[in-house]
Amino acid sequence: MSLATLEHLTGGEGGFPHLLKTWRQKRRLSQLDLALSSGVSQRHISFLESGRAKPSRSMILQLSETLAVPLRDRNDWLTAAGFAPVFKSRPLDDPQMVQVMSAVRMMLTNHVPFPAIAIDRAWNIRMSNAPFDMVSAIIGADVWTRVGGMQRNLMRLFFHPNGIKPYVTNWKAIAPLLWHRAQREAEALGGKEMKQVLSELSQYQDADTLWAAEGAALVPVLPLEIEKDGVRISLFTVIATFGTAQDVTADELRIESLFPADEATERLFRSAA
């Protein structure tokens, strides 16, 4: 069989067979594993991945649900197979997003006096509460301008040469973990936007940041420790997501709530409030 014929059957890298196989491998599942989890025969999955069988719309949704494919990428599966996308990507100010935004605001507000933010899958900050803005001001009122980008982006805040690295006292411990976490999420979530950010920032990183793994990663949580102008804070993060989202924007939103890692940090934020 010629390469041209094979590409015609599989749709190439953008075709449904390639997408199905790629996501199955991302989840480290064999065809048999996927068959047992999805209730679809291994033979049929093999035919779908080889291009010998064409998927129905319901089959695409069934397999993508089993593989926990993000909604944005499920739309890509549908489009690649010749179907219209079914999951909308509404802006945050869309009237149908009122309930979602109300929940996000409530979570951010209820976390005061401690910092909290809502970010998308590229780690762009979509909303923040007042304590987080206070931390940004401590670092520098112009910090977001210094690190560039159209959005307030956490990766740029940490890894841009004009970012907060000079003020992070446990940089060697936490930087590799943050970088690797972003890489894992970009891979697991199909995050093209995050991959672009990582590619842009990688030129500024040393080998230790890109490859190192510190022993501190073995503790239950590794706090972010920042010190500037005599002010020291130590925080760790708890992440929440929308478990039953049916909109791409909601599916990609994540709430990161920062908690004090020591009594001094807790007193600092409570007194500021």
C-alpha atoms as a PDB file:
ATOM      1  CA  MET A   1       0.000   0.000   0.000  1.00  0.00           C
ATOM      2  CA  SER A   2       1.409   3.393  -0.984  1.00  0.00           C
ATOM      3  CA  LEU A   3       1.928   6.245   1.459  1.00  0.00           C
ATOM      4  CA  ALA A   4      -0.628   8.334  -0.467  1.00  0.00           C
ATOM      5  CA  THR A   5      -3.223   5.559  -0.142  1.00  0.00           C
ATOM      6  CA  LEU A   6      -2.504   5.143   3.576  1.00  0.00           C
ATOM      7  CA  GLU A   7      -2.881   8.894   4.196  1.00  0.00           C
ATOM      8  CA  HIS A   8      -6.147   8.839   2.256  1.00  0.00           C
ATOM      9  CA  LEU A   9      -7.474   6.067   4.480  1.00  0.00           C
ATOM     10  CA  THR A  10      -6.322   7.517   7.784  1.00  0.00           C
ATOM     11  CA  GLY A  11      -6.880  11.185   7.055  1.00  0.00           C
ATOM     12  CA  GLY A  12      -3.284  12.028   7.918  1.00  0.00           C
ATOM     13  CA  GLU A  13      -2.367  13.689  11.199  1.00  0.00           C
ATOM     14  CA  GLY A  14      -5.593  15.683  11.250  1.00  0.00           C
ATOM     15  CA  GLY A  15      -7.833  12.730  10.463  1.00  0.00           C
ATOM     16  CA  PHE A  16     -10.092  10.949  12.935  1.00  0.00           C
ATOM     17  CA  PRO A  17      -8.099   7.665  12.938  1.00  0.00           C
ATOM     18  CA  HIS A  18      -4.930   9.523  13.900  1.00  0.00           C
ATOM     19  CA  LEU A  19      -6.724  11.544  16.594  1.00  0.00           C
ATOM     20  CA  LEU A  20      -8.283   8.431  18.126  1.00  0.00           C
ATOM     21  CA  LYS A  21      -4.985   6.554  18.230  1.00  0.00           C
ATOM     22  CA  THR A  22      -3.100   9.584  19.576  1.00  0.00           C
ATOM     23  CA  TRP A  23      -5.522  10.151  22.459  1.00  0.00           C
ATOM     24  CA  ARG A  24      -5.675   6.447  23.271  1.00  0.00           C
ATOM     25  CA  GLN A  25      -1.885   6.440  23.537  1.00  0.00           C
ATOM     26  CA  LYS A  26      -1.944   9.636  25.617  1.00  0.00           C
ATOM     27  CA  ARG A  27      -4.109   7.770  28.120  1.00  0.00           C
ATOM     28  CA  ARG A  28      -1.720   4.782  27.963  1.00  0.00           C
ATOM     29  CA  LEU A  29      -4.471   2.375  26.939  1.00  0.00           C
ATOM     30  CA  SER A  30      -4.250  -0.555  24.566  1.00  0.00           C
ATOM     31  CA  GLN A  31      -7.034  -1.145  22.059  1.00  0.00           C
ATOM     32  CA  LEU A  32      -8.281  -3.899  24.362  1.00  0.00           C
ATOM     33  CA  ASP A  33      -8.265  -1.545  27.369  1.00  0.00           C
ATOM     34  CA  LEU A  34     -10.299   1.017  25.446  1.00  0.00           C
ATOM     35  CA  ALA A  35     -12.676  -1.683  24.234  1.00  0.00           C
ATOM     36  CA  LEU A  36     -13.354  -2.882  27.771  1.00  0.00           C
ATOM     37  CA  SER A  37     -13.811   0.677  29.096  1.00  0.00           C
ATOM     38  CA  SER A  38     -16.037   1.935  26.284  1.00  0.00           C
ATOM     39  CA  GLY A  39     -18.105  -1.139  25.470  1.00  0.00           C
ATOM     40  CA  VAL A  40     -16.926  -1.034  21.851  1.00  0.00           C
ATOM     41  CA  SER A  41     -15.321  -4.144  20.379  1.00  0.00           C
ATOM     42  CA  GLN A  42     -11.553  -4.219  19.994  1.00  0.00           C
ATOM     43  CA  ARG A  43     -12.044  -5.197  16.352  1.00  0.00           C
ATOM     44  CA  HIS A  44     -14.112  -2.082  15.672  1.00  0.00           C
ATOM     45  CA  ILE A  45     -11.597   0.182  17.433  1.00  0.00           C
ATOM     46  CA  SER A  46      -8.852  -1.365  15.303  1.00  0.00           C
ATOM     47  CA  PHE A  47     -10.898  -0.668  12.160  1.00  0.00           C
ATOM     48  CA  LEU A  48     -11.532   2.933  13.271  1.00  0.00           C
ATOM     49  CA  GLU A  49      -7.830   3.548  13.891  1.00  0.00           C
ATOM     50  CA  SER A  50      -6.826   2.045  10.553  1.00  0.00           C
ATOM     51  CA  GLY A  51      -9.466   3.969   8.617  1.00  0.00           C
ATOM     52  CA  ARG A  52     -11.262   0.790   7.527  1.00  0.00           C
ATOM     53  CA  ALA A  53     -14.410   1.883   9.385  1.00  0.00           C
ATOM     54  CA  LYS A  54     -16.007   5.300   9.663  1.00  0.00           C
ATOM     55  CA  PRO A  55     -17.305   6.415  13.066  1.00  0.00           C
ATOM     56  CA  SER A  56     -20.820   7.600  13.741  1.00  0.00           C
ATOM     57  CA  ARG A  57     -21.394  10.809  15.665  1.00  0.00           C
ATOM     58  CA  SER A  58     -22.491   8.852  18.748  1.00  0.00           C
ATOM     59  CA  MET A  59     -19.423   6.594  18.519  1.00  0.00           C
ATOM     60  CA  ILE A  60     -17.135   9.641  18.498  1.00  0.00           C
ATOM     61  CA  LEU A  61     -18.824  11.069  21.581  1.00  0.00           C
ATOM     62  CA  GLN A  62     -18.748   7.686  23.328  1.00  0.00           C
ATOM     63  CA  LEU A  63     -15.039   7.085  22.741  1.00  0.00           C
ATOM     64  CA  SER A  64     -14.024  10.671  23.499  1.00  0.00           C
ATOM     65  CA  GLU A  65     -15.964  10.528  26.781  1.00  0.00           C
ATOM     66  CA  THR A  66     -14.226   7.286  27.738  1.00  0.00           C
ATOM     67  CA  LEU A  67     -10.823   8.829  26.973  1.00  0.00           C
ATOM     68  CA  ALA A  68     -11.693  12.037  28.899  1.00  0.00           C
ATOM     69  CA  VAL A  69     -10.921  14.144  25.834  1.00  0.00           C
ATOM     70  CA  PRO A  70     -11.434  17.891  26.494  1.00  0.00           C
ATOM     71  CA  LEU A  71     -14.503  19.375  24.822  1.00  0.00           C
ATOM     72  CA  ARG A  72     -12.473  21.562  22.460  1.00  0.00           C
ATOM     73  CA  ASP A  73     -10.731  18.459  21.133  1.00  0.00           C
ATOM     74  CA  ARG A  74     -13.985  16.495  20.909  1.00  0.00           C
ATOM     75  CA  ASN A  75     -15.119  19.161  18.465  1.00  0.00           C
ATOM     76  CA  ASP A  76     -11.926  18.488  16.489  1.00  0.00           C
ATOM     77  CA  TRP A  77     -12.769  14.777  16.398  1.00  0.00           C
ATOM     78  CA  LEU A  78     -16.248  15.529  15.065  1.00  0.00           C
ATOM     79  CA  THR A  79     -14.939  17.941  12.442  1.00  0.00           C
ATOM     80  CA  ALA A  80     -12.266  15.476  11.308  1.00  0.00           C
ATOM     81  CA  ALA A  81     -14.948  12.820  10.803  1.00  0.00           C
ATOM     82  CA  GLY A  82     -17.179  15.172   8.821  1.00  0.00           C
ATOM     83  CA  PHE A  83     -19.628  16.182  11.545  1.00  0.00           C
ATOM     84  CA  ALA A  84     -20.472  19.618  12.909  1.00  0.00           C
ATOM     85  CA  PRO A  85     -19.019  20.532  16.337  1.00  0.00           C
ATOM     86  CA  VAL A  86     -21.529  20.177  19.166  1.00  0.00           C
ATOM     87  CA  PHE A  87     -19.802  21.980  22.055  1.00  0.00           C
ATOM     88  CA  LYS A  88     -19.973  25.756  21.993  1.00  0.00           C
ATOM     89  CA  SER A  89     -17.219  28.054  23.241  1.00  0.00           C
ATOM     90  CA  ARG A  90     -19.061  30.965  24.768  1.00  0.00           C
ATOM     91  CA  PRO A  91     -17.306  34.127  25.978  1.00  0.00           C
ATOM     92  CA  LEU A  92     -17.408  34.669  29.721  1.00  0.00           C
ATOM     93  CA  ASP A  93     -19.860  37.557  29.338  1.00  0.00           C
ATOM     94  CA  ASP A  94     -22.350  35.456  27.335  1.00  0.00           C
ATOM     95  CA  PRO A  95     -25.806  35.427  29.008  1.00  0.00           C
ATOM     96  CA  GLN A  96     -25.738  31.612  29.107  1.00  0.00           C
ATOM     97  CA  MET A  97     -22.534  31.743  31.150  1.00  0.00           C
ATOM     98  CA  VAL A  98     -24.197  33.630  34.016  1.00  0.00           C
ATOM     99  CA  GLN A  99     -24.400  30.576  36.297  1.00  0.00           C
ATOM    100  CA  VAL A 100     -20.797  29.621  35.619  1.00  0.00           C
ATOM    101  CA  MET A 101     -19.486  33.118  36.244  1.00  0.00           C
ATOM    102  CA  SER A 102     -21.626  33.476  39.358  1.00  0.00           C
ATOM    103  CA  ALA A 103     -20.071  30.284  40.737  1.00  0.00           C
ATOM    104  CA  VAL A 104     -16.550  31.459  39.877  1.00  0.00           C
ATOM    105  CA  ARG A 105     -17.063  34.866  41.502  1.00  0.00           C
ATOM    106  CA  MET A 106     -18.524  33.200  44.603  1.00  0.00           C
ATOM    107  CA  MET A 107     -15.520  30.891  44.924  1.00  0.00           C
ATOM    108  CA  LEU A 108     -13.040  33.727  44.484  1.00  0.00           C
ATOM    109  CA  THR A 109     -14.907  35.988  46.909  1.00  0.00           C
ATOM    110  CA  ASN A 110     -15.395  33.292  49.522  1.00  0.00           C
ATOM    111  CA  HIS A 111     -11.661  32.593  49.516  1.00  0.00           C
ATOM    112  CA  VAL A 112     -10.846  36.128  50.689  1.00  0.00           C
ATOM    113  CA  PRO A 113      -8.614  37.056  52.555  1.00  0.00           C
ATOM    114  CA  PHE A 114      -6.433  34.617  50.618  1.00  0.00           C
ATOM    115  CA  PRO A 115      -5.563  34.791  46.891  1.00  0.00           C
ATOM    116  CA  ALA A 116      -7.533  32.928  44.246  1.00  0.00           C
ATOM    117  CA  ILE A 117      -7.719  33.045  40.460  1.00  0.00           C
ATOM    118  CA  ALA A 118      -9.601  31.479  37.553  1.00  0.00           C
ATOM    119  CA  ILE A 119      -7.338  30.390  34.696  1.00  0.00           C
ATOM    120  CA  ASP A 120      -7.793  28.690  31.331  1.00  0.00           C
ATOM    121  CA  ARG A 121      -5.799  25.748  30.000  1.00  0.00           C
ATOM    122  CA  ALA A 122      -2.984  28.025  28.800  1.00  0.00           C
ATOM    123  CA  TRP A 123      -2.725  29.456  32.356  1.00  0.00           C
ATOM    124  CA  ASN A 124      -4.146  32.817  31.310  1.00  0.00           C
ATOM    125  CA  ILE A 125      -5.781  34.527  34.288  1.00  0.00           C
ATOM    126  CA  ARG A 126      -9.424  35.140  33.446  1.00  0.00           C
ATOM    127  CA  MET A 127     -10.504  36.413  36.884  1.00  0.00           C
ATOM    128  CA  SER A 128      -8.785  37.167  40.191  1.00  0.00           C
ATOM    129  CA  ASN A 129      -9.745  38.320  43.673  1.00  0.00           C
ATOM    130  CA  ALA A 130      -8.372  41.314  45.576  1.00  0.00           C
ATOM    131  CA  PRO A 131      -5.764  39.388  47.638  1.00  0.00           C
ATOM    132  CA  PHE A 132      -4.213  38.008  44.448  1.00  0.00           C
ATOM    133  CA  ASP A 133      -4.062  41.514  43.013  1.00  0.00           C
ATOM    134  CA  MET A 134      -2.367  42.598  46.241  1.00  0.00           C
ATOM    135  CA  VAL A 135       0.332  39.954  45.739  1.00  0.00           C
ATOM    136  CA  SER A 136       0.830  41.198  42.166  1.00  0.00           C
ATOM    137  CA  ALA A 137       1.231  44.732  43.486  1.00  0.00           C
ATOM    138  CA  ILE A 138       3.854  43.572  46.010  1.00  0.00           C
ATOM    139  CA  ILE A 139       5.843  42.017  43.178  1.00  0.00           C
ATOM    140  CA  GLY A 140       5.496  45.165  41.079  1.00  0.00           C
ATOM    141  CA  ALA A 141       2.632  47.166  39.618  1.00  0.00           C
ATOM    142  CA  ASP A 142       4.102  46.794  36.120  1.00  0.00           C
ATOM    143  CA  VAL A 143       4.935  43.099  36.350  1.00  0.00           C
ATOM    144  CA  TRP A 144       2.365  42.019  33.758  1.00  0.00           C
ATOM    145  CA  THR A 145       3.629  44.607  31.296  1.00  0.00           C
ATOM    146  CA  ARG A 146       7.209  43.431  31.879  1.00  0.00           C
ATOM    147  CA  VAL A 147       6.473  39.806  31.058  1.00  0.00           C
ATOM    148  CA  GLY A 148       4.437  40.692  27.958  1.00  0.00           C
ATOM    149  CA  GLY A 149       1.616  38.840  26.270  1.00  0.00           C
ATOM    150  CA  MET A 150      -1.979  39.803  25.595  1.00  0.00           C
ATOM    151  CA  GLN A 151      -3.179  38.092  28.793  1.00  0.00           C
ATOM    152  CA  ARG A 152      -1.989  37.923  32.380  1.00  0.00           C
ATOM    153  CA  ASN A 153      -0.287  34.548  32.056  1.00  0.00           C
ATOM    154  CA  LEU A 154       1.111  32.604  35.028  1.00  0.00           C
ATOM    155  CA  MET A 155       3.804  30.840  33.004  1.00  0.00           C
ATOM    156  CA  ARG A 156       5.119  34.159  31.724  1.00  0.00           C
ATOM    157  CA  LEU A 157       4.965  35.551  35.269  1.00  0.00           C
ATOM    158  CA  PHE A 158       7.244  32.775  36.500  1.00  0.00           C
ATOM    159  CA  PHE A 159       9.485  31.995  33.556  1.00  0.00           C
ATOM    160  CA  HIS A 160       9.885  35.223  31.588  1.00  0.00           C
ATOM    161  CA  PRO A 161      13.278  36.855  32.327  1.00  0.00           C
ATOM    162  CA  ASN A 162      11.433  39.939  33.612  1.00  0.00           C
ATOM    163  CA  GLY A 163       9.163  37.879  35.855  1.00  0.00           C
ATOM    164  CA  ILE A 164       9.228  36.958  39.536  1.00  0.00           C
ATOM    165  CA  LYS A 165      12.160  34.524  39.613  1.00  0.00           C
ATOM    166  CA  PRO A 166      14.404  36.932  41.639  1.00  0.00           C
ATOM    167  CA  TYR A 167      11.795  37.002  44.422  1.00  0.00           C
ATOM    168  CA  VAL A 168      11.083  33.246  44.623  1.00  0.00           C
ATOM    169  CA  THR A 169      13.340  31.983  47.414  1.00  0.00           C
ATOM    170  CA  ASN A 170      12.761  28.282  46.661  1.00  0.00           C
ATOM    171  CA  TRP A 171      13.098  28.651  42.893  1.00  0.00           C
ATOM    172  CA  LYS A 172      15.307  25.581  42.350  1.00  0.00           C
ATOM    173  CA  ALA A 173      12.741  23.377  44.060  1.00  0.00           C
ATOM    174  CA  ILE A 174       9.526  24.741  42.628  1.00  0.00           C
ATOM    175  CA  ALA A 175      10.448  25.861  39.086  1.00  0.00           C
ATOM    176  CA  PRO A 176      11.041  22.358  37.648  1.00  0.00           C
ATOM    177  CA  LEU A 177       7.754  21.169  39.146  1.00  0.00           C
ATOM    178  CA  LEU A 178       5.781  24.057  37.668  1.00  0.00           C
ATOM    179  CA  TRP A 179       7.405  23.582  34.277  1.00  0.00           C
ATOM    180  CA  HIS A 180       6.758  19.845  34.267  1.00  0.00           C
ATOM    181  CA  ARG A 181       3.178  20.353  35.463  1.00  0.00           C
ATOM    182  CA  ALA A 182       2.542  22.712  32.544  1.00  0.00           C
ATOM    183  CA  GLN A 183       4.083  20.201  30.134  1.00  0.00           C
ATOM    184  CA  ARG A 184       1.955  17.349  31.496  1.00  0.00           C
ATOM    185  CA  GLU A 185      -1.232  19.415  31.303  1.00  0.00           C
ATOM    186  CA  ALA A 186      -0.454  20.576  27.767  1.00  0.00           C
ATOM    187  CA  GLU A 187       0.016  16.958  26.743  1.00  0.00           C
ATOM    188  CA  ALA A 188      -2.925  15.516  28.675  1.00  0.00           C
ATOM    189  CA  LEU A 189      -5.347  18.279  27.659  1.00  0.00           C
ATOM    190  CA  GLY A 190      -4.159  18.712  24.084  1.00  0.00           C
ATOM    191  CA  GLY A 191      -3.207  22.266  24.988  1.00  0.00           C
ATOM    192  CA  LYS A 192      -1.852  23.840  21.809  1.00  0.00           C
ATOM    193  CA  GLU A 193      -1.907  27.282  23.408  1.00  0.00           C
ATOM    194  CA  MET A 194       0.156  26.112  26.385  1.00  0.00           C
ATOM    195  CA  LYS A 195       2.620  24.362  24.084  1.00  0.00           C
ATOM    196  CA  GLN A 196       3.139  27.673  22.288  1.00  0.00           C
ATOM    197  CA  VAL A 197       3.779  29.450  25.595  1.00  0.00           C
ATOM    198  CA  LEU A 198       6.239  26.739  26.660  1.00  0.00           C
ATOM    199  CA  SER A 199       8.029  26.950  23.332  1.00  0.00           C
ATOM    200  CA  GLU A 200       8.316  30.728  23.675  1.00  0.00           C
ATOM    201  CA  LEU A 201       9.650  30.575  27.246  1.00  0.00           C
ATOM    202  CA  SER A 202      11.952  27.556  26.879  1.00  0.00           C
ATOM    203  CA  GLN A 203      14.691  29.706  25.321  1.00  0.00           C
ATOM    204  CA  TYR A 204      15.081  31.529  28.658  1.00  0.00           C
ATOM    205  CA  GLN A 205      15.371  28.416  30.852  1.00  0.00           C
ATOM    206  CA  ASP A 206      18.461  26.590  32.048  1.00  0.00           C
ATOM    207  CA  ALA A 207      18.879  22.814  32.102  1.00  0.00           C
ATOM    208  CA  ASP A 208      17.994  22.561  35.798  1.00  0.00           C
ATOM    209  CA  THR A 209      14.596  24.133  35.227  1.00  0.00           C
ATOM    210  CA  LEU A 210      13.813  22.037  32.169  1.00  0.00           C
ATOM    211  CA  TRP A 211      14.964  18.668  33.461  1.00  0.00           C
ATOM    212  CA  ALA A 212      15.631  18.697  37.210  1.00  0.00           C
ATOM    213  CA  ALA A 213      13.490  16.976  39.803  1.00  0.00           C
ATOM    214  CA  GLU A 214      14.140  18.052  43.359  1.00  0.00           C
ATOM    215  CA  GLY A 215      13.680  15.848  46.420  1.00  0.00           C
ATOM    216  CA  ALA A 216      11.251  18.465  47.746  1.00  0.00           C
ATOM    217  CA  ALA A 217       8.708  17.105  45.259  1.00  0.00           C
ATOM    218  CA  LEU A 218       8.235  14.164  47.641  1.00  0.00           C
ATOM    219  CA  VAL A 219       6.504  16.281  50.306  1.00  0.00           C
ATOM    220  CA  PRO A 220       2.665  16.438  50.276  1.00  0.00           C
ATOM    221  CA  VAL A 221       2.634  20.046  49.033  1.00  0.00           C
ATOM    222  CA  LEU A 222       5.457  22.332  47.941  1.00  0.00           C
ATOM    223  CA  PRO A 223       4.690  25.961  48.814  1.00  0.00           C
ATOM    224  CA  LEU A 224       5.621  28.931  46.683  1.00  0.00           C
ATOM    225  CA  GLU A 225       7.881  31.161  48.790  1.00  0.00           C
ATOM    226  CA  ILE A 226       8.209  34.826  47.767  1.00  0.00           C
ATOM    227  CA  GLU A 227      10.207  37.564  49.476  1.00  0.00           C
ATOM    228  CA  LYS A 228      10.414  41.200  48.386  1.00  0.00           C
ATOM    229  CA  ASP A 229      11.171  44.417  50.278  1.00  0.00           C
ATOM    230  CA  GLY A 230      11.061  42.595  53.604  1.00  0.00           C
ATOM    231  CA  VAL A 231       7.661  41.008  52.907  1.00  0.00           C
ATOM    232  CA  ARG A 232       7.701  37.203  52.888  1.00  0.00           C
ATOM    233  CA  ILE A 233       4.794  34.956  51.905  1.00  0.00           C
ATOM    234  CA  SER A 234       4.480  31.187  51.595  1.00  0.00           C
ATOM    235  CA  LEU A 235       1.500  29.723  49.723  1.00  0.00           C
ATOM    236  CA  PHE A 236       0.320  26.420  48.275  1.00  0.00           C
ATOM    237  CA  THR A 237      -2.426  25.766  45.720  1.00  0.00           C
ATOM    238  CA  VAL A 238      -5.648  23.743  45.635  1.00  0.00           C
ATOM    239  CA  ILE A 239      -7.282  23.323  42.213  1.00  0.00           C
ATOM    240  CA  ALA A 240     -10.990  22.978  41.377  1.00  0.00           C
ATOM    241  CA  THR A 241     -12.659  22.375  38.004  1.00  0.00           C
ATOM    242  CA  PHE A 242     -16.192  22.110  36.582  1.00  0.00           C
ATOM    243  CA  GLY A 243     -16.855  18.382  36.550  1.00  0.00           C
ATOM    244  CA  THR A 244     -19.858  18.326  34.200  1.00  0.00           C
ATOM    245  CA  ALA A 245     -19.125  21.251  31.895  1.00  0.00           C
ATOM    246  CA  GLN A 246     -20.860  21.209  28.499  1.00  0.00           C
ATOM    247  CA  ASP A 247     -19.206  24.353  27.163  1.00  0.00           C
ATOM    248  CA  VAL A 248     -15.584  24.583  25.990  1.00  0.00           C
ATOM    249  CA  THR A 249     -14.872  27.732  28.010  1.00  0.00           C
ATOM    250  CA  ALA A 250     -16.295  26.255  31.214  1.00  0.00           C
ATOM    251  CA  ASP A 251     -14.545  22.947  30.583  1.00  0.00           C
ATOM    252  CA  GLU A 252     -11.185  24.727  30.420  1.00  0.00           C
ATOM    253  CA  LEU A 253     -11.691  26.993  33.451  1.00  0.00           C
ATOM    254  CA  ARG A 254      -9.845  26.085  36.622  1.00  0.00           C
ATOM    255  CA  ILE A 255     -10.019  27.729  40.027  1.00  0.00           C
ATOM    256  CA  GLU A 256      -6.675  27.935  41.810  1.00  0.00           C
ATOM    257  CA  SER A 257      -7.099  28.790  45.487  1.00  0.00           C
ATOM    258  CA  LEU A 258      -3.901  29.693  47.329  1.00  0.00           C
ATOM    259  CA  PHE A 259      -3.643  28.880  51.028  1.00  0.00           C
ATOM    260  CA  PRO A 260      -1.088  30.120  53.573  1.00  0.00           C
ATOM    261  CA  ALA A 261       1.654  27.574  54.212  1.00  0.00           C
ATOM    262  CA  ASP A 262       2.659  29.097  57.551  1.00  0.00           C
ATOM    263  CA  GLU A 263       1.201  31.223  60.342  1.00  0.00           C
ATOM    264  CA  ALA A 264       3.119  34.356  59.367  1.00  0.00           C
ATOM    265  CA  THR A 265       1.594  34.324  55.870  1.00  0.00           C
ATOM    266  CA  GLU A 266      -1.868  33.757  57.300  1.00  0.00           C
ATOM    267  CA  ARG A 267      -1.484  36.709  59.682  1.00  0.00           C
ATOM    268  CA  LEU A 268      -0.224  38.899  56.814  1.00  0.00           C
ATOM    269  CA  PHE A 269      -3.257  38.287  54.623  1.00  0.00           C
ATOM    270  CA  ARG A 270      -5.768  38.509  57.474  1.00  0.00           C
ATOM    271  CA  SER A 271      -4.314  41.828  58.621  1.00  0.00           C
ATOM    272  CA  ALA A 272      -4.337  43.178  55.054  1.00  0.00           C
ATOM    273  CA  ALA A 273      -8.006  42.310  54.802  1.00  0.00           C
END
